[in-house]
Amino acid sequence: MTLLPAIAAYVTLKRALGAVFAAEARILRSFGRTVGDVPVTAITPAQCQAFCRGVGPPTRFWARKHETLRGFFRYLVGRGQLARAPLPEPGPRIPASFQPYIYSREELQRLLAAAATPVSPRALVQPATLRPLLLLLYGAGLRAGEALRLRDRDVDLPERVLVIWDTKFFKSRLVPLGASLAAALAHYATARGPRPGADGDRAPFFATRSGAAIRLGRLEAAFRRVREQAGVRRPPGVRWQPRLHDLRATFAVHRLTAWYREGADVQARLPLLATYLGHVNVSGTQPYLPLTPDLLAEASRRFQRYASPAEENDDE
């Protein structure tokens, strides 16, 4: 087998399994253009290393290219197309520079207050829709796309549960809601009134002023406006500003911090958190859990109680 058909088959397989695989497909096609449509057995370690390294100072993209080629060659070895991968190991060790932004509770209040501020009557996403939508993203830890794809029939407010269909990797799941969040969504559903062109229970639960489903780009633009209005930003000089997706990471960190404060068995509950977020395992949840000061403080207090039980008994 030559390289270009092998890449096409691998990309097709990954997408059939539910992976978006957009960046990885671009990397593999770039590798194919660089090396040429040679037999896969003719690919050399030097070619792989030169492609992964690129030029200039080390970047996270070097590691991304290496990870992508590793998966591709593992696929070829597993199907007997190669006896062993030509990719030199280990890959480049590039420290991750990006960290999700964890909103404080005070910042969340400012964001929600800004989201409720009146806008032009011609704006497609009105405050009455934007505020409960942001509240849901934080309160249930949903991906923005999951919330935007909700239909009326997917939202069971009396039972306080959402049905999330065919999300990442074609997984579906049930998402229970807290009482206050369910009440906020019920208030929104009652107050929004009739929607233009609504298609029964297939109508989008969150809709624009015209009754259409909200596009992700439109929601992200509305969130940037709200974020600027609320004055929520990273320190000067930092490249990435707080994102809409960081509401999901904030939900995960706040939930973990609350478990520490409750004295719960956090390790036993991490798989539950991963399942609630729609991850296959805990490793998928780890990028959402940066070590914040609050989380570090609660973990430290937990360790002190574990390490010094005699002192606690003496105090009693």
Protein backbone atom coordinates (compact mmCIF):
# COMPACT_ATOMS: atom_id res chain seq x y z
CA MET A 1 0.00 0.00 0.00
CA THR A 2 1.21 3.51 -0.76
CA LEU A 3 1.02 6.44 1.59
CA LEU A 4 -1.82 8.57 0.19
CA PRO A 5 -4.44 5.77 -0.01
CA ALA A 6 -3.38 4.63 3.46
CA ILE A 7 -3.97 8.14 4.82
CA ALA A 8 -7.37 8.36 3.12
CA ALA A 9 -8.43 4.99 4.57
CA TYR A 10 -7.28 5.95 8.07
CA VAL A 11 -9.08 9.31 8.02
CA THR A 12 -12.26 7.63 6.79
CA LEU A 13 -12.07 5.07 9.60
CA LYS A 14 -11.53 7.66 12.34
CA ARG A 15 -14.44 9.77 11.13
CA ALA A 16 -16.68 6.71 10.87
CA LEU A 17 -15.89 6.08 14.55
CA GLY A 18 -17.10 9.58 15.43
CA ALA A 19 -13.87 11.57 15.57
CA VAL A 20 -13.95 15.04 14.00
CA PHE A 21 -10.33 14.48 12.99
CA ALA A 22 -10.01 17.77 11.09
CA ALA A 23 -6.59 18.91 12.35
CA GLU A 24 -5.22 15.37 12.24
CA ALA A 25 -6.38 14.93 8.64
CA ARG A 26 -4.60 18.15 7.65
CA ILE A 27 -1.41 16.97 9.35
CA LEU A 28 -1.50 13.59 7.61
CA ARG A 29 -2.19 15.14 4.21
CA SER A 30 0.71 17.52 4.76
CA PHE A 31 2.88 14.52 5.62
CA GLY A 32 1.73 12.84 2.41
CA ARG A 33 2.65 15.90 0.34
CA THR A 34 6.04 16.12 2.05
CA VAL A 35 7.02 12.46 1.67
CA GLY A 36 5.13 11.69 -1.54
CA ASP A 37 2.98 8.72 -2.46
CA VAL A 38 5.67 6.18 -1.64
CA PRO A 39 5.08 2.63 -0.35
CA VAL A 40 4.46 2.84 3.39
CA THR A 41 7.35 0.40 3.91
CA ALA A 42 9.72 2.95 2.33
CA ILE A 43 9.04 5.71 4.91
CA THR A 44 12.17 6.35 6.97
CA PRO A 45 12.64 7.57 10.56
CA ALA A 46 14.57 10.56 9.22
CA GLN A 47 11.58 11.65 7.11
CA CYS A 48 9.26 11.36 10.10
CA GLN A 49 11.60 13.28 12.36
CA ALA A 50 12.16 16.06 9.82
CA PHE A 51 8.39 16.44 9.30
CA CYS A 52 7.58 16.53 13.02
CA ARG A 53 10.36 18.91 13.91
CA GLY A 54 9.69 21.54 11.28
CA VAL A 55 11.66 24.77 11.57
CA GLY A 56 12.02 27.41 14.25
CA PRO A 57 11.69 27.05 18.03
CA PRO A 58 9.82 24.09 19.54
CA THR A 59 6.05 24.39 19.59
CA ARG A 60 3.14 22.31 20.81
CA PHE A 61 2.37 21.60 17.15
CA TRP A 62 5.55 19.49 16.92
CA ALA A 63 4.08 17.17 19.53
CA ARG A 64 0.68 17.24 17.81
CA LYS A 65 2.24 16.05 14.54
CA HIS A 66 4.11 13.29 16.35
CA GLU A 67 0.96 12.10 18.13
CA THR A 68 -0.94 12.05 14.85
CA LEU A 69 1.74 10.02 13.06
CA ARG A 70 1.94 7.64 16.00
CA GLY A 71 -1.74 6.80 15.66
CA PHE A 72 -1.45 6.45 11.90
CA PHE A 73 1.50 4.05 12.05
CA ARG A 74 -0.15 2.05 14.85
CA TYR A 75 -3.10 1.60 12.49
CA LEU A 76 -0.79 0.35 9.69
CA VAL A 77 1.06 -2.04 12.00
CA GLY A 78 -2.22 -3.41 13.34
CA ARG A 79 -3.37 -4.20 9.81
CA GLY A 80 -0.12 -5.84 8.77
CA GLN A 81 0.90 -3.07 6.37
CA LEU A 82 4.05 -2.40 8.41
CA ALA A 83 6.20 -4.64 10.58
CA ARG A 84 7.09 -1.70 12.84
CA ALA A 85 6.49 2.03 12.93
CA PRO A 86 9.28 4.20 11.45
CA LEU A 87 8.46 7.02 13.86
CA PRO A 88 11.31 7.77 16.31
CA GLU A 89 10.28 7.56 19.97
CA PRO A 90 9.89 9.19 22.36
CA GLY A 91 8.23 12.21 20.83
CA PRO A 92 9.10 15.82 21.60
CA ARG A 93 8.31 16.94 25.13
CA ILE A 94 6.75 20.35 24.73
CA PRO A 95 5.14 21.82 27.86
CA ALA A 96 1.50 22.71 27.31
CA SER A 97 1.12 26.50 27.43
CA PHE A 98 -2.68 26.66 27.29
CA GLN A 99 -4.79 26.37 30.42
CA PRO A 100 -8.58 26.64 30.54
CA TYR A 101 -9.87 29.71 32.32
CA ILE A 102 -11.75 28.89 35.52
CA TYR A 103 -14.31 31.58 36.25
CA SER A 104 -14.80 32.63 39.84
CA ARG A 105 -18.35 32.65 41.17
CA GLU A 106 -18.26 36.45 41.22
CA GLU A 107 -17.21 36.48 37.53
CA LEU A 108 -20.04 34.08 36.70
CA GLN A 109 -22.51 36.44 38.33
CA ARG A 110 -21.14 39.34 36.28
CA LEU A 111 -21.37 37.30 33.07
CA LEU A 112 -24.97 36.33 33.75
CA ALA A 113 -25.86 39.90 34.64
CA ALA A 114 -24.28 41.14 31.40
CA ALA A 115 -26.10 38.45 29.44
CA ALA A 116 -29.42 39.78 30.79
CA THR A 117 -28.64 43.35 29.69
CA PRO A 118 -31.03 44.55 26.94
CA VAL A 119 -29.68 44.56 23.39
CA SER A 120 -31.08 45.77 20.08
CA PRO A 121 -34.54 44.29 19.39
CA ARG A 122 -33.12 43.20 16.03
CA ALA A 123 -30.44 41.00 17.64
CA LEU A 124 -31.14 37.35 16.83
CA VAL A 125 -30.00 36.07 20.26
CA GLN A 126 -31.98 37.98 22.87
CA PRO A 127 -31.04 38.21 26.58
CA ALA A 128 -34.05 36.08 27.55
CA THR A 129 -32.39 33.22 25.62
CA LEU A 130 -28.71 33.97 26.15
CA ARG A 131 -28.79 34.07 29.95
CA PRO A 132 -30.46 30.64 30.50
CA LEU A 133 -28.23 29.17 27.79
CA LEU A 134 -25.06 30.30 29.57
CA LEU A 135 -26.55 29.16 32.86
CA LEU A 136 -27.06 25.69 31.40
CA LEU A 137 -23.53 25.49 30.01
CA TYR A 138 -22.13 26.16 33.47
CA GLY A 139 -24.76 24.40 35.56
CA ALA A 140 -24.69 21.12 33.59
CA GLY A 141 -21.21 21.28 32.08
CA LEU A 142 -22.53 20.82 28.54
CA ARG A 143 -20.54 21.42 25.39
CA ALA A 144 -21.96 24.45 23.59
CA GLY A 145 -22.92 22.33 20.58
CA GLU A 146 -24.83 19.91 22.81
CA ALA A 147 -26.92 22.73 24.26
CA LEU A 148 -27.61 24.26 20.84
CA ARG A 149 -28.78 20.91 19.43
CA LEU A 150 -31.33 20.36 22.19
CA ARG A 151 -34.90 19.98 20.93
CA ASP A 152 -38.01 20.49 23.01
CA ARG A 153 -38.48 16.73 23.21
CA ASP A 154 -34.96 16.34 24.68
CA VAL A 155 -35.73 18.55 27.69
CA ASP A 156 -37.83 16.84 30.37
CA LEU A 157 -38.17 19.54 33.00
CA PRO A 158 -40.68 17.75 35.29
CA GLU A 159 -38.18 14.87 35.58
CA ARG A 160 -35.22 17.31 35.51
CA VAL A 161 -33.25 15.46 32.86
CA LEU A 162 -31.81 16.24 29.42
CA VAL A 163 -31.30 13.74 26.62
CA ILE A 164 -28.09 14.43 24.71
CA TRP A 165 -28.10 12.62 21.35
CA ASP A 166 -25.18 11.59 19.14
CA THR A 167 -22.61 13.91 20.61
CA LYS A 168 -18.84 13.48 20.37
CA PHE A 169 -17.89 9.99 19.10
CA PHE A 170 -21.62 9.28 18.48
CA LYS A 171 -22.31 8.88 22.21
CA SER A 172 -25.67 9.69 23.79
CA ARG A 173 -26.36 10.22 27.48
CA LEU A 174 -28.85 11.43 30.07
CA VAL A 175 -27.92 14.55 32.04
CA PRO A 176 -29.77 15.10 35.34
CA LEU A 177 -30.37 18.72 36.36
CA GLY A 178 -30.47 20.40 39.74
CA ALA A 179 -33.74 21.85 40.96
CA SER A 180 -32.74 25.51 40.56
CA LEU A 181 -31.36 25.00 37.05
CA ALA A 182 -34.49 23.09 35.98
CA ALA A 183 -36.63 25.92 37.39
CA ALA A 184 -34.66 28.51 35.41
CA LEU A 185 -35.12 26.52 32.20
CA ALA A 186 -38.83 26.05 32.93
CA HIS A 187 -39.19 29.81 33.39
CA TYR A 188 -37.45 30.37 30.03
CA ALA A 189 -39.65 27.78 28.28
CA THR A 190 -42.79 29.45 29.65
CA ALA A 191 -41.73 33.04 28.98
CA ARG A 192 -40.49 32.57 25.41
CA GLY A 193 -44.03 32.05 24.06
CA PRO A 194 -44.82 30.89 20.52
CA ARG A 195 -41.85 30.70 18.15
CA PRO A 196 -42.01 31.37 14.41
CA GLY A 197 -41.92 28.15 12.39
CA ALA A 198 -41.81 25.85 15.45
CA ASP A 199 -41.99 22.20 14.43
CA GLY A 200 -43.72 20.68 17.45
CA ASP A 201 -41.39 18.94 19.88
CA ARG A 202 -38.65 18.94 17.20
CA ALA A 203 -38.23 22.71 17.56
CA PRO A 204 -34.88 23.87 18.99
CA PHE A 205 -35.15 24.50 22.71
CA PHE A 206 -32.87 27.55 22.41
CA ALA A 207 -33.80 29.55 19.33
CA THR A 208 -33.06 32.90 17.72
CA ARG A 209 -35.63 35.67 17.54
CA SER A 210 -36.73 34.21 14.20
CA GLY A 211 -37.24 30.75 15.69
CA ALA A 212 -34.19 29.14 14.04
CA ALA A 213 -31.52 27.12 15.80
CA ILE A 214 -28.62 29.23 17.11
CA ARG A 215 -25.35 28.72 15.27
CA LEU A 216 -22.25 28.16 17.40
CA GLY A 217 -20.41 31.10 15.83
CA ARG A 218 -23.28 33.42 16.68
CA LEU A 219 -23.31 32.22 20.29
CA GLU A 220 -19.54 32.66 20.61
CA ALA A 221 -19.82 36.21 19.26
CA ALA A 222 -22.57 36.99 21.79
CA PHE A 223 -20.43 35.53 24.57
CA ARG A 224 -17.44 37.68 23.62
CA ARG A 225 -19.65 40.75 23.84
CA VAL A 226 -20.92 39.65 27.25
CA ARG A 227 -17.41 38.86 28.48
CA GLU A 228 -16.14 42.30 27.50
CA GLN A 229 -19.15 43.99 29.05
CA ALA A 230 -18.60 42.05 32.29
CA GLY A 231 -14.90 42.93 32.33
CA VAL A 232 -13.77 39.30 32.53
CA ARG A 233 -10.36 38.91 30.94
CA ARG A 234 -6.95 37.42 31.47
CA PRO A 235 -4.04 39.65 32.58
CA PRO A 236 -2.46 41.89 29.92
CA GLY A 237 -0.07 40.09 27.63
CA VAL A 238 -1.76 36.70 27.90
CA ARG A 239 -2.61 35.34 24.47
CA TRP A 240 -5.90 33.53 25.12
CA GLN A 241 -8.95 35.22 26.56
CA PRO A 242 -11.64 33.32 28.54
CA ARG A 243 -13.77 31.20 26.22
CA LEU A 244 -17.33 29.95 26.10
CA HIS A 245 -16.00 26.38 26.45
CA ASP A 246 -14.32 27.35 29.73
CA LEU A 247 -17.75 27.31 31.38
CA ARG A 248 -17.58 23.52 31.07
CA ALA A 249 -14.15 23.39 32.71
CA THR A 250 -15.41 25.71 35.45
CA PHE A 251 -18.30 23.36 36.15
CA ALA A 252 -15.86 20.44 36.54
CA VAL A 253 -13.47 22.31 38.85
CA HIS A 254 -16.26 23.74 41.02
CA ARG A 255 -17.82 20.29 41.35
CA LEU A 256 -14.49 18.77 42.39
CA THR A 257 -13.86 21.57 44.89
CA ALA A 258 -17.33 21.07 46.39
CA TRP A 259 -16.64 17.34 46.85
CA TYR A 260 -13.43 18.12 48.71
CA ARG A 261 -15.32 20.51 50.99
CA GLU A 262 -18.00 17.90 51.63
CA GLY A 263 -15.38 15.33 52.63
CA ALA A 264 -16.44 13.02 49.78
CA ASP A 265 -14.28 10.27 48.29
CA VAL A 266 -13.10 12.32 45.31
CA GLN A 267 -11.24 9.47 43.60
CA ALA A 268 -14.36 7.32 43.67
CA ARG A 269 -16.47 10.14 42.25
CA LEU A 270 -14.16 11.15 39.39
CA PRO A 271 -15.56 8.40 37.10
CA LEU A 272 -19.04 9.76 37.83
CA LEU A 273 -17.92 13.24 36.81
CA ALA A 274 -16.37 11.85 33.62
CA THR A 275 -19.60 10.04 32.75
CA TYR A 276 -21.70 13.13 33.44
CA LEU A 277 -19.47 15.17 31.10
CA GLY A 278 -19.75 12.52 28.39
CA HIS A 279 -16.16 11.24 28.58
CA VAL A 280 -15.25 7.59 28.08
CA ASN A 281 -12.85 7.61 31.04
CA VAL A 282 -11.27 9.90 33.62
CA SER A 283 -8.31 10.74 31.37
CA GLY A 284 -10.71 12.65 29.11
CA THR A 285 -11.75 14.80 32.08
CA GLN A 286 -8.22 15.64 33.29
CA PRO A 287 -7.66 18.57 30.87
CA TYR A 288 -10.73 20.23 32.42
CA LEU A 289 -9.23 20.16 35.91
CA PRO A 290 -6.37 22.66 36.22
CA LEU A 291 -5.09 23.18 39.74
CA THR A 292 -6.81 26.37 40.90
CA PRO A 293 -6.02 28.04 44.25
CA ASP A 294 -9.35 26.92 45.72
CA LEU A 295 -8.87 23.36 44.54
CA LEU A 296 -5.29 23.28 45.83
CA ALA A 297 -6.39 24.64 49.21
CA GLU A 298 -9.14 22.02 49.59
CA ALA A 299 -6.82 19.20 48.51
CA SER A 300 -4.17 20.41 50.97
CA ARG A 301 -6.68 20.46 53.83
CA ARG A 302 -7.76 16.95 52.89
CA PHE A 303 -4.12 15.77 52.93
CA GLN A 304 -3.50 17.41 56.30
CA ARG A 305 -6.48 15.63 57.82
CA TYR A 306 -5.23 12.35 56.37
CA ALA A 307 -1.60 12.88 57.43
CA SER A 308 -2.33 14.10 60.98
CA PRO A 309 -5.29 12.12 62.34
CA ALA A 310 -3.78 12.09 65.83
CA GLU A 311 -3.81 15.90 66.01
CA GLU A 312 -7.52 15.96 65.09
CA ASN A 313 -8.25 13.40 67.81
CA ASP A 314 -6.30 15.44 70.36
CA ASP A 315 -8.32 18.53 69.44
CA GLU A 316 -11.53 16.61 70.01
